[in-house]
Protein backbone atom coordinates (compact mmCIF):
# COMPACT_ATOMS: atom_id res chain seq x y z
CA UNK A 1 0.00 0.00 0.00
CA UNK A 2 1.30 3.46 -0.95
CA UNK A 3 0.22 6.48 1.05
CA UNK A 4 1.16 9.92 -0.23
CA UNK A 5 0.99 12.78 2.24
CA UNK A 6 1.36 16.36 1.07
CA UNK A 7 2.69 18.90 3.52
CA UNK A 8 1.45 22.02 1.82
CA UNK A 9 0.93 25.33 3.51
CA UNK A 10 -1.73 27.26 1.62
CA UNK A 11 -1.91 30.98 2.20
CA UNK A 12 -5.07 32.80 1.13
CA UNK A 13 -4.45 36.47 0.56
CA UNK A 14 -7.74 38.31 0.31
CA UNK A 15 -7.54 41.67 -1.40
CA UNK A 16 -11.03 42.38 -2.63
CA UNK A 17 -13.49 45.16 -2.06
CA UNK A 18 -15.69 44.22 -5.02
CA UNK A 19 -19.11 42.88 -4.17
CA UNK A 20 -20.81 43.07 -7.56
CA UNK A 21 -21.70 40.27 -9.92
CA UNK A 22 -19.31 38.39 -12.16
CA UNK A 23 -20.53 36.26 -15.06
CA UNK A 24 -18.73 32.93 -15.45
CA UNK A 25 -19.45 29.29 -16.13
CA UNK A 26 -19.12 27.62 -12.73
CA UNK A 27 -18.02 24.21 -14.00
CA UNK A 28 -15.36 25.72 -16.27
CA UNK A 29 -13.93 28.00 -13.58
CA UNK A 30 -13.95 25.10 -11.12
CA UNK A 31 -12.03 22.91 -13.57
CA UNK A 32 -9.44 25.64 -14.19
CA UNK A 33 -8.93 26.15 -10.44
CA UNK A 34 -8.57 22.41 -9.82
CA UNK A 35 -6.05 22.10 -12.67
CA UNK A 36 -3.97 25.01 -11.36
CA UNK A 37 -3.94 23.65 -7.81
CA UNK A 38 -3.12 20.14 -9.05
CA UNK A 39 -0.22 21.50 -11.11
CA UNK A 40 1.05 23.40 -8.06
CA UNK A 41 0.91 20.27 -5.92
CA UNK A 42 2.79 18.30 -8.58
CA UNK A 43 5.48 20.97 -8.78
CA UNK A 44 5.86 21.13 -5.01
CA UNK A 45 5.82 17.37 -4.34
CA UNK A 46 9.58 16.82 -4.56
CA UNK A 47 10.53 20.10 -2.93
CA UNK A 48 12.64 19.93 0.23
CA UNK A 49 11.58 23.32 1.61
CA UNK A 50 8.18 24.39 2.94
CA UNK A 51 5.73 24.49 0.04
CA UNK A 52 3.46 27.49 -0.40
CA UNK A 53 0.46 28.14 -2.62
CA UNK A 54 -0.86 31.69 -2.71
CA UNK A 55 -4.39 32.49 -3.91
CA UNK A 56 -5.22 36.14 -4.53
CA UNK A 57 -8.53 37.68 -5.56
CA UNK A 58 -8.46 41.36 -6.43
CA UNK A 59 -10.72 43.95 -8.06
CA UNK A 60 -9.14 46.67 -10.16
CA UNK A 61 -10.66 48.96 -12.79
CA UNK A 62 -13.99 47.09 -12.78
CA UNK A 63 -12.26 43.74 -13.35
CA UNK A 64 -11.76 40.82 -10.99
CA UNK A 65 -8.34 39.17 -11.02
CA UNK A 66 -7.63 35.71 -9.64
CA UNK A 67 -3.98 34.77 -9.21
CA UNK A 68 -2.64 31.41 -8.07
CA UNK A 69 1.10 31.09 -7.48
CA UNK A 70 3.46 28.71 -5.71
CA UNK A 71 7.10 28.62 -4.71
CA UNK A 72 7.91 25.65 -6.94
CA UNK A 73 10.68 25.50 -9.54
CA UNK A 74 8.64 27.22 -12.29
CA UNK A 75 7.77 26.16 -15.80
CA UNK A 76 10.59 24.97 -18.05
CA UNK A 77 11.38 27.48 -20.78
CA UNK A 78 10.67 24.90 -23.50
CA UNK A 79 7.08 24.43 -22.22
CA UNK A 80 6.09 28.07 -21.65
CA UNK A 81 4.66 28.55 -25.14
CA UNK A 82 2.22 25.67 -24.54
CA UNK A 83 0.73 26.60 -21.16
CA UNK A 84 -2.41 28.22 -22.59
CA UNK A 85 -3.24 25.30 -24.86
CA UNK A 86 -6.43 23.52 -23.86
CA UNK A 87 -5.66 20.40 -21.81
CA UNK A 88 -2.00 21.25 -21.21
CA UNK A 89 -0.76 20.11 -17.80
PDB file of N, CA and C in Angstrom:
ATOM      1  N   UNK A   1       0.840  -1.176   0.000  1.00  0.00           N
ATOM      2  CA  UNK A   1       0.000   0.000   0.000  1.00  0.00           C
ATOM      3  C   UNK A   1       0.884   1.238   0.000  1.00  0.00           C
ATOM      4  N   UNK A   2       0.555   2.209  -0.868  1.00  0.00           N
ATOM      5  CA  UNK A   2       1.303   3.458  -0.951  1.00  0.00           C
ATOM      6  C   UNK A   2       0.419   4.578  -0.433  1.00  0.00           C
ATOM      7  N   UNK A   3       0.941   5.328   0.513  1.00  0.00           N
ATOM      8  CA  UNK A   3       0.223   6.483   1.051  1.00  0.00           C
ATOM      9  C   UNK A   3       1.065   7.718   0.753  1.00  0.00           C
ATOM     10  N   UNK A   4       0.473   8.677   0.075  1.00  0.00           N
ATOM     11  CA  UNK A   4       1.162   9.923  -0.228  1.00  0.00           C
ATOM     12  C   UNK A   4       0.577  11.013   0.653  1.00  0.00           C
ATOM     13  N   UNK A   5       1.428  11.686   1.375  1.00  0.00           N
ATOM     14  CA  UNK A   5       0.994  12.777   2.240  1.00  0.00           C
ATOM     15  C   UNK A   5       1.652  14.056   1.743  1.00  0.00           C
ATOM     16  N   UNK A   6       0.847  15.061   1.499  1.00  0.00           N
ATOM     17  CA  UNK A   6       1.361  16.356   1.073  1.00  0.00           C
ATOM     18  C   UNK A   6       1.420  17.287   2.282  1.00  0.00           C
ATOM     19  N   UNK A   7       2.558  17.884   2.496  1.00  0.00           N
ATOM     20  CA  UNK A   7       2.693  18.903   3.525  1.00  0.00           C
ATOM     21  C   UNK A   7       2.732  20.242   2.813  1.00  0.00           C
ATOM     22  N   UNK A   8       1.580  20.778   2.564  1.00  0.00           N
ATOM     23  CA  UNK A   8       1.454  22.020   1.815  1.00  0.00           C
ATOM     24  C   UNK A   8       0.843  23.069   2.730  1.00  0.00           C
ATOM     25  N   UNK A   9       1.465  24.205   2.757  1.00  0.00           N
ATOM     26  CA  UNK A   9       0.927  25.330   3.514  1.00  0.00           C
ATOM     27  C   UNK A   9       0.274  26.266   2.507  1.00  0.00           C
ATOM     28  N   UNK A  10      -1.022  26.422   2.578  1.00  0.00           N
ATOM     29  CA  UNK A  10      -1.730  27.260   1.623  1.00  0.00           C
ATOM     30  C   UNK A  10      -2.093  28.579   2.296  1.00  0.00           C
ATOM     31  N   UNK A  11      -1.606  29.652   1.706  1.00  0.00           N
ATOM     32  CA  UNK A  11      -1.910  30.980   2.201  1.00  0.00           C
ATOM     33  C   UNK A  11      -2.964  31.603   1.302  1.00  0.00           C
ATOM     34  N   UNK A  12      -4.030  32.101   1.879  1.00  0.00           N
ATOM     35  CA  UNK A  12      -5.065  32.798   1.128  1.00  0.00           C
ATOM     36  C   UNK A  12      -4.932  34.276   1.428  1.00  0.00           C
ATOM     37  N   UNK A  13      -4.598  35.034   0.410  1.00  0.00           N
ATOM     38  CA  UNK A  13      -4.447  36.469   0.563  1.00  0.00           C
ATOM     39  C   UNK A  13      -5.678  37.113  -0.046  1.00  0.00           C
ATOM     40  N   UNK A  14      -6.483  37.728   0.777  1.00  0.00           N
ATOM     41  CA  UNK A  14      -7.736  38.308   0.311  1.00  0.00           C
ATOM     42  C   UNK A  14      -7.561  39.811   0.145  1.00  0.00           C
ATOM     43  N   UNK A  15      -7.615  40.246  -1.080  1.00  0.00           N
ATOM     44  CA  UNK A  15      -7.537  41.669  -1.397  1.00  0.00           C
ATOM     45  C   UNK A  15      -8.691  42.009  -2.320  1.00  0.00           C
ATOM     46  N   UNK A  16      -9.878  42.071  -1.775  1.00  0.00           N
ATOM     47  CA  UNK A  16     -11.028  42.378  -2.634  1.00  0.00           C
ATOM     48  C   UNK A  16     -12.002  43.291  -1.896  1.00  0.00           C
ATOM     49  N   UNK A  17     -12.442  44.299  -2.597  1.00  0.00           N
ATOM     50  CA  UNK A  17     -13.486  45.163  -2.063  1.00  0.00           C
ATOM     51  C   UNK A  17     -14.599  45.283  -3.102  1.00  0.00           C
ATOM     52  N   UNK A  18     -14.689  44.283  -3.965  1.00  0.00           N
ATOM     53  CA  UNK A  18     -15.687  44.223  -5.020  1.00  0.00           C
ATOM     54  C   UNK A  18     -16.776  43.257  -4.609  1.00  0.00           C
ATOM     55  N   UNK A  19     -18.001  43.736  -4.567  1.00  0.00           N
ATOM     56  CA  UNK A  19     -19.110  42.879  -4.166  1.00  0.00           C
ATOM     57  C   UNK A  19     -20.215  42.859  -5.216  1.00  0.00           C
ATOM     58  N   UNK A  20     -19.850  43.105  -6.465  1.00  0.00           N
ATOM     59  CA  UNK A  20     -20.807  43.070  -7.559  1.00  0.00           C
ATOM     60  C   UNK A  20     -20.962  41.663  -8.096  1.00  0.00           C
ATOM     61  N   UNK A  21     -21.505  41.567  -9.284  1.00  0.00           N
ATOM     62  CA  UNK A  21     -21.701  40.273  -9.918  1.00  0.00           C
ATOM     63  C   UNK A  21     -20.651  40.037 -10.989  1.00  0.00           C
ATOM     64  N   UNK A  22     -20.255  38.790 -11.132  1.00  0.00           N
ATOM     65  CA  UNK A  22     -19.308  38.394 -12.164  1.00  0.00           C
ATOM     66  C   UNK A  22     -19.931  37.225 -12.919  1.00  0.00           C
ATOM     67  N   UNK A  23     -19.992  37.343 -14.228  1.00  0.00           N
ATOM     68  CA  UNK A  23     -20.532  36.258 -15.056  1.00  0.00           C
ATOM     69  C   UNK A  23     -19.430  35.263 -15.382  1.00  0.00           C
ATOM     70  N   UNK A  24     -19.672  33.990 -15.108  1.00  0.00           N
ATOM     71  CA  UNK A  24     -18.732  32.926 -15.453  1.00  0.00           C
ATOM     72  C   UNK A  24     -19.481  31.608 -15.458  1.00  0.00           C
ATOM     73  N   UNK A  25     -18.890  30.632 -16.111  1.00  0.00           N
ATOM     74  CA  UNK A  25     -19.454  29.286 -16.133  1.00  0.00           C
ATOM     75  C   UNK A  25     -18.823  28.533 -14.969  1.00  0.00           C
ATOM     76  N   UNK A  26     -19.623  28.196 -13.976  1.00  0.00           N
ATOM     77  CA  UNK A  26     -19.120  27.622 -12.726  1.00  0.00           C
ATOM     78  C   UNK A  26     -18.281  26.368 -12.941  1.00  0.00           C
ATOM     79  N   UNK A  27     -18.761  25.468 -13.792  1.00  0.00           N
ATOM     80  CA  UNK A  27     -18.024  24.214 -13.998  1.00  0.00           C
ATOM     81  C   UNK A  27     -16.674  24.464 -14.664  1.00  0.00           C
ATOM     82  N   UNK A  28     -16.621  25.422 -15.592  1.00  0.00           N
ATOM     83  CA  UNK A  28     -15.357  25.719 -16.274  1.00  0.00           C
ATOM     84  C   UNK A  28     -14.362  26.382 -15.330  1.00  0.00           C
ATOM     85  N   UNK A  29     -14.820  27.338 -14.535  1.00  0.00           N
ATOM     86  CA  UNK A  29     -13.930  27.996 -13.582  1.00  0.00           C
ATOM     87  C   UNK A  29     -13.444  26.993 -12.540  1.00  0.00           C
ATOM     88  N   UNK A  30     -14.329  26.132 -12.080  1.00  0.00           N
ATOM     89  CA  UNK A  30     -13.948  25.098 -11.119  1.00  0.00           C
ATOM     90  C   UNK A  30     -12.876  24.178 -11.677  1.00  0.00           C
ATOM     91  N   UNK A  31     -13.014  23.788 -12.938  1.00  0.00           N
ATOM     92  CA  UNK A  31     -12.027  22.906 -13.571  1.00  0.00           C
ATOM     93  C   UNK A  31     -10.676  23.601 -13.702  1.00  0.00           C
ATOM     94  N   UNK A  32     -10.689  24.881 -14.078  1.00  0.00           N
ATOM     95  CA  UNK A  32      -9.441  25.644 -14.192  1.00  0.00           C
ATOM     96  C   UNK A  32      -8.749  25.729 -12.831  1.00  0.00           C
ATOM     97  N   UNK A  33      -9.507  26.038 -11.776  1.00  0.00           N
ATOM     98  CA  UNK A  33      -8.925  26.147 -10.438  1.00  0.00           C
ATOM     99  C   UNK A  33      -8.344  24.810  -9.980  1.00  0.00           C
ATOM    100  N   UNK A  34      -9.079  23.724 -10.202  1.00  0.00           N
ATOM    101  CA  UNK A  34      -8.569  22.405  -9.823  1.00  0.00           C
ATOM    102  C   UNK A  34      -7.287  22.064 -10.584  1.00  0.00           C
ATOM    103  N   UNK A  35      -7.250  22.366 -11.877  1.00  0.00           N
ATOM    104  CA  UNK A  35      -6.050  22.097 -12.668  1.00  0.00           C
ATOM    105  C   UNK A  35      -4.851  22.891 -12.153  1.00  0.00           C
ATOM    106  N   UNK A  36      -5.062  24.176 -11.857  1.00  0.00           N
ATOM    107  CA  UNK A  36      -3.967  25.015 -11.361  1.00  0.00           C
ATOM    108  C   UNK A  36      -3.448  24.515 -10.013  1.00  0.00           C
ATOM    109  N   UNK A  37      -4.360  24.152  -9.120  1.00  0.00           N
ATOM    110  CA  UNK A  37      -3.939  23.649  -7.808  1.00  0.00           C
ATOM    111  C   UNK A  37      -3.251  22.295  -7.942  1.00  0.00           C
ATOM    112  N   UNK A  38      -3.753  21.445  -8.823  1.00  0.00           N
ATOM    113  CA  UNK A  38      -3.124  20.138  -9.048  1.00  0.00           C
ATOM    114  C   UNK A  38      -1.711  20.313  -9.596  1.00  0.00           C
ATOM    115  N   UNK A  39      -1.548  21.226 -10.557  1.00  0.00           N
ATOM    116  CA  UNK A  39      -0.222  21.497 -11.112  1.00  0.00           C
ATOM    117  C   UNK A  39       0.723  22.025 -10.035  1.00  0.00           C
ATOM    118  N   UNK A  40       0.220  22.886  -9.159  1.00  0.00           N
ATOM    119  CA  UNK A  40       1.048  23.395  -8.065  1.00  0.00           C
ATOM    120  C   UNK A  40       1.488  22.267  -7.142  1.00  0.00           C
ATOM    121  N   UNK A  41       0.561  21.392  -6.795  1.00  0.00           N
ATOM    122  CA  UNK A  41       0.907  20.267  -5.919  1.00  0.00           C
ATOM    123  C   UNK A  41       1.947  19.362  -6.568  1.00  0.00           C
ATOM    124  N   UNK A  42       1.795  19.116  -7.869  1.00  0.00           N
ATOM    125  CA  UNK A  42       2.788  18.301  -8.583  1.00  0.00           C
ATOM    126  C   UNK A  42       4.161  18.954  -8.546  1.00  0.00           C
ATOM    127  N   UNK A  43       4.205  20.250  -8.761  1.00  0.00           N
ATOM    128  CA  UNK A  43       5.479  20.966  -8.785  1.00  0.00           C
ATOM    129  C   UNK A  43       6.140  20.993  -7.412  1.00  0.00           C
ATOM    130  N   UNK A  44       5.337  20.989  -6.371  1.00  0.00           N
ATOM    131  CA  UNK A  44       5.858  21.126  -5.012  1.00  0.00           C
ATOM    132  C   UNK A  44       6.167  19.784  -4.354  1.00  0.00           C
ATOM    133  N   UNK A  45       5.722  18.688  -4.963  1.00  0.00           N
ATOM    134  CA  UNK A  45       5.818  17.369  -4.339  1.00  0.00           C
ATOM    135  C   UNK A  45       7.249  16.979  -3.966  1.00  0.00           C
ATOM    136  N   UNK A  46       8.204  17.256  -4.819  1.00  0.00           N
ATOM    137  CA  UNK A  46       9.577  16.822  -4.557  1.00  0.00           C
ATOM    138  C   UNK A  46      10.425  17.896  -3.870  1.00  0.00           C
ATOM    139  N   UNK A  47       9.809  18.971  -3.519  1.00  0.00           N
ATOM    140  CA  UNK A  47      10.533  20.101  -2.933  1.00  0.00           C
ATOM    141  C   UNK A  47      10.941  19.800  -1.485  1.00  0.00           C
ATOM    142  N   UNK A  48      12.131  20.169  -1.122  1.00  0.00           N
ATOM    143  CA  UNK A  48      12.638  19.926   0.226  1.00  0.00           C
ATOM    144  C   UNK A  48      12.225  21.019   1.217  1.00  0.00           C
ATOM    145  N   UNK A  49      11.959  22.210   0.727  1.00  0.00           N
ATOM    146  CA  UNK A  49      11.576  23.321   1.613  1.00  0.00           C
ATOM    147  C   UNK A  49      10.061  23.386   1.787  1.00  0.00           C
ATOM    148  N   UNK A  50       9.612  24.242   2.677  1.00  0.00           N
ATOM    149  CA  UNK A  50       8.185  24.388   2.936  1.00  0.00           C
ATOM    150  C   UNK A  50       7.476  24.876   1.674  1.00  0.00           C
ATOM    151  N   UNK A  51       6.465  24.163   1.258  1.00  0.00           N
ATOM    152  CA  UNK A  51       5.730  24.495   0.042  1.00  0.00           C
ATOM    153  C   UNK A  51       4.658  25.537   0.356  1.00  0.00           C
ATOM    154  N   UNK A  52       4.467  26.450  -0.571  1.00  0.00           N
ATOM    155  CA  UNK A  52       3.461  27.490  -0.398  1.00  0.00           C
ATOM    156  C   UNK A  52       2.655  27.655  -1.677  1.00  0.00           C
ATOM    157  N   UNK A  53       1.355  27.784  -1.516  1.00  0.00           N
ATOM    158  CA  UNK A  53       0.463  28.140  -2.618  1.00  0.00           C
ATOM    159  C   UNK A  53      -0.271  29.399  -2.180  1.00  0.00           C
ATOM    160  N   UNK A  54      -0.234  30.409  -3.013  1.00  0.00           N
ATOM    161  CA  UNK A  54      -0.861  31.686  -2.707  1.00  0.00           C
ATOM    162  C   UNK A  54      -2.029  31.908  -3.660  1.00  0.00           C
ATOM    163  N   UNK A  55      -3.196  32.210  -3.116  1.00  0.00           N
ATOM    164  CA  UNK A  55      -4.386  32.493  -3.912  1.00  0.00           C
ATOM    165  C   UNK A  55      -4.794  33.930  -3.631  1.00  0.00           C
ATOM    166  N   UNK A  56      -4.851  34.735  -4.683  1.00  0.00           N
ATOM    167  CA  UNK A  56      -5.221  36.140  -4.531  1.00  0.00           C
ATOM    168  C   UNK A  56      -6.438  36.455  -5.392  1.00  0.00           C
ATOM    169  N   UNK A  57      -7.345  37.217  -4.845  1.00  0.00           N
ATOM    170  CA  UNK A  57      -8.527  37.684  -5.557  1.00  0.00           C
ATOM    171  C   UNK A  57      -8.570  39.192  -5.386  1.00  0.00           C
ATOM    172  N   UNK A  58      -8.599  39.910  -6.500  1.00  0.00           N
ATOM    173  CA  UNK A  58      -8.459  41.357  -6.428  1.00  0.00           C
ATOM    174  C   UNK A  58      -9.335  42.026  -7.477  1.00  0.00           C
ATOM    175  N   UNK A  59      -9.931  43.156  -7.120  1.00  0.00           N
ATOM    176  CA  UNK A  59     -10.717  43.950  -8.063  1.00  0.00           C
ATOM    177  C   UNK A  59      -9.918  45.192  -8.406  1.00  0.00           C
ATOM    178  N   UNK A  60      -9.856  45.477  -9.709  1.00  0.00           N
ATOM    179  CA  UNK A  60      -9.140  46.667 -10.157  1.00  0.00           C
ATOM    180  C   UNK A  60      -9.755  47.123 -11.468  1.00  0.00           C
ATOM    181  N   UNK A  61     -10.099  48.374 -11.559  1.00  0.00           N
ATOM    182  CA  UNK A  61     -10.663  48.956 -12.785  1.00  0.00           C
ATOM    183  C   UNK A  61     -11.847  48.154 -13.313  1.00  0.00           C
ATOM    184  N   UNK A  62     -12.776  47.833 -12.431  1.00  0.00           N
ATOM    185  CA  UNK A  62     -13.991  47.090 -12.778  1.00  0.00           C
ATOM    186  C   UNK A  62     -13.719  45.699 -13.331  1.00  0.00           C
ATOM    187  N   UNK A  63     -12.589  45.112 -12.971  1.00  0.00           N
ATOM    188  CA  UNK A  63     -12.263  43.740 -13.348  1.00  0.00           C
ATOM    189  C   UNK A  63     -11.879  42.978 -12.086  1.00  0.00           C
ATOM    190  N   UNK A  64     -12.137  41.670 -12.111  1.00  0.00           N
ATOM    191  CA  UNK A  64     -11.764  40.824 -10.987  1.00  0.00           C
ATOM    192  C   UNK A  64     -10.607  39.942 -11.452  1.00  0.00           C
ATOM    193  N   UNK A  65      -9.529  39.940 -10.678  1.00  0.00           N
ATOM    194  CA  UNK A  65      -8.342  39.165 -11.020  1.00  0.00           C
ATOM    195  C   UNK A  65      -8.146  38.052 -10.003  1.00  0.00           C
ATOM    196  N   UNK A  66      -7.930  36.859 -10.481  1.00  0.00           N
ATOM    197  CA  UNK A  66      -7.628  35.706  -9.640  1.00  0.00           C
ATOM    198  C   UNK A  66      -6.220  35.265  -9.990  1.00  0.00           C
ATOM    199  N   UNK A  67      -5.372  35.161  -8.989  1.00  0.00           N
ATOM    200  CA  UNK A  67      -3.980  34.766  -9.213  1.00  0.00           C
ATOM    201  C   UNK A  67      -3.639  33.611  -8.285  1.00  0.00           C
ATOM    202  N   UNK A  68      -3.100  32.549  -8.850  1.00  0.00           N
ATOM    203  CA  UNK A  68      -2.636  31.410  -8.067  1.00  0.00           C
ATOM    204  C   UNK A  68      -1.150  31.249  -8.355  1.00  0.00           C
ATOM    205  N   UNK A  69      -0.345  31.247  -7.305  1.00  0.00           N
ATOM    206  CA  UNK A  69       1.102  31.088  -7.480  1.00  0.00           C
ATOM    207  C   UNK A  69       1.628  30.133  -6.422  1.00  0.00           C
ATOM    208  N   UNK A  70       2.818  29.588  -6.683  1.00  0.00           N
ATOM    209  CA  UNK A  70       3.456  28.710  -5.710  1.00  0.00           C
ATOM    210  C   UNK A  70       4.950  28.984  -5.714  1.00  0.00           C
ATOM    211  N   UNK A  71       5.651  28.413  -4.777  1.00  0.00           N
ATOM    212  CA  UNK A  71       7.102  28.621  -4.706  1.00  0.00           C
ATOM    213  C   UNK A  71       7.856  27.408  -5.262  1.00  0.00           C
ATOM    214  N   UNK A  72       7.266  26.776  -6.266  1.00  0.00           N
ATOM    215  CA  UNK A  72       7.905  25.653  -6.942  1.00  0.00           C
ATOM    216  C   UNK A  72       8.982  26.120  -7.912  1.00  0.00           C
ATOM    217  N   UNK A  73       9.550  25.186  -8.673  1.00  0.00           N
ATOM    218  CA  UNK A  73      10.679  25.501  -9.540  1.00  0.00           C
ATOM    219  C   UNK A  73      10.318  26.306 -10.788  1.00  0.00           C
ATOM    220  N   UNK A  74       9.047  26.476 -11.097  1.00  0.00           N
ATOM    221  CA  UNK A  74       8.642  27.224 -12.286  1.00  0.00           C
ATOM    222  C   UNK A  74       8.472  26.320 -13.488  1.00  0.00           C
ATOM    223  N   UNK A  75       8.035  26.905 -14.573  1.00  0.00           N
ATOM    224  CA  UNK A  75       7.772  26.159 -15.801  1.00  0.00           C
ATOM    225  C   UNK A  75       9.018  26.209 -16.677  1.00  0.00           C
ATOM    226  N   UNK A  76       9.407  25.053 -17.177  1.00  0.00           N
ATOM    227  CA  UNK A  76      10.587  24.974 -18.050  1.00  0.00           C
ATOM    228  C   UNK A  76      10.384  25.875 -19.269  1.00  0.00           C
ATOM    229  N   UNK A  77      11.442  26.539 -19.662  1.00  0.00           N
ATOM    230  CA  UNK A  77      11.385  27.479 -20.782  1.00  0.00           C
ATOM    231  C   UNK A  77      10.800  26.839 -22.048  1.00  0.00           C
ATOM    232  N   UNK A  78      11.142  25.595 -22.296  1.00  0.00           N
ATOM    233  CA  UNK A  78      10.675  24.896 -23.497  1.00  0.00           C
ATOM    234  C   UNK A  78       9.159  24.664 -23.493  1.00  0.00           C
ATOM    235  N   UNK A  79       8.522  24.697 -22.318  1.00  0.00           N
ATOM    236  CA  UNK A  79       7.084  24.431 -22.219  1.00  0.00           C
ATOM    237  C   UNK A  79       6.232  25.695 -22.129  1.00  0.00           C
ATOM    238  N   UNK A  80       6.840  26.828 -21.902  1.00  0.00           N
ATOM    239  CA  UNK A  80       6.085  28.065 -21.647  1.00  0.00           C
ATOM    240  C   UNK A  80       5.151  28.457 -22.786  1.00  0.00           C
ATOM    241  N   UNK A  81       5.519  28.171 -24.008  1.00  0.00           N
ATOM    242  CA  UNK A  81       4.662  28.551 -25.145  1.00  0.00           C
ATOM    243  C   UNK A  81       3.407  27.689 -25.223  1.00  0.00           C
ATOM    244  N   UNK A  82       3.348  26.592 -24.476  1.00  0.00           N
ATOM    245  CA  UNK A  82       2.216  25.668 -24.541  1.00  0.00           C
ATOM    246  C   UNK A  82       1.225  25.807 -23.387  1.00  0.00           C
ATOM    247  N   UNK A  83       1.532  26.620 -22.387  1.00  0.00           N
ATOM    248  CA  UNK A  83       0.730  26.601 -21.157  1.00  0.00           C
ATOM    249  C   UNK A  83      -0.719  27.042 -21.341  1.00  0.00           C
ATOM    250  N   UNK A  84      -1.028  27.787 -22.391  1.00  0.00           N
ATOM    251  CA  UNK A  84      -2.410  28.223 -22.594  1.00  0.00           C
ATOM    252  C   UNK A  84      -3.167  27.339 -23.582  1.00  0.00           C
ATOM    253  N   UNK A  85      -2.548  26.256 -24.005  1.00  0.00           N
ATOM    254  CA  UNK A  85      -3.245  25.300 -24.858  1.00  0.00           C
ATOM    255  C   UNK A  85      -4.240  24.506 -24.020  1.00  0.00           C
ATOM    256  N   UNK A  86      -5.391  24.277 -24.571  1.00  0.00           N
ATOM    257  CA  UNK A  86      -6.433  23.522 -23.858  1.00  0.00           C
ATOM    258  C   UNK A  86      -5.907  22.122 -23.510  1.00  0.00           C
ATOM    259  N   UNK A  87      -6.052  21.732 -22.254  1.00  0.00           N
ATOM    260  CA  UNK A  87      -5.655  20.401 -21.810  1.00  0.00           C
ATOM    261  C   UNK A  87      -4.200  20.267 -21.409  1.00  0.00           C
ATOM    262  N   UNK A  88      -3.412  21.330 -21.582  1.00  0.00           N
ATOM    263  CA  UNK A  88      -1.999  21.253 -21.205  1.00  0.00           C
ATOM    264  C   UNK A  88      -1.866  21.141 -19.693  1.00  0.00           C
ATOM    265  N   UNK A  89      -0.985  20.268 -19.243  1.00  0.00           N
ATOM    266  CA  UNK A  89      -0.759  20.110 -17.803  1.00  0.00           C
ATOM    267  C   UNK A  89       0.701  19.793 -17.570  1.00  0.00           C
TER     268      UNK A  89
END
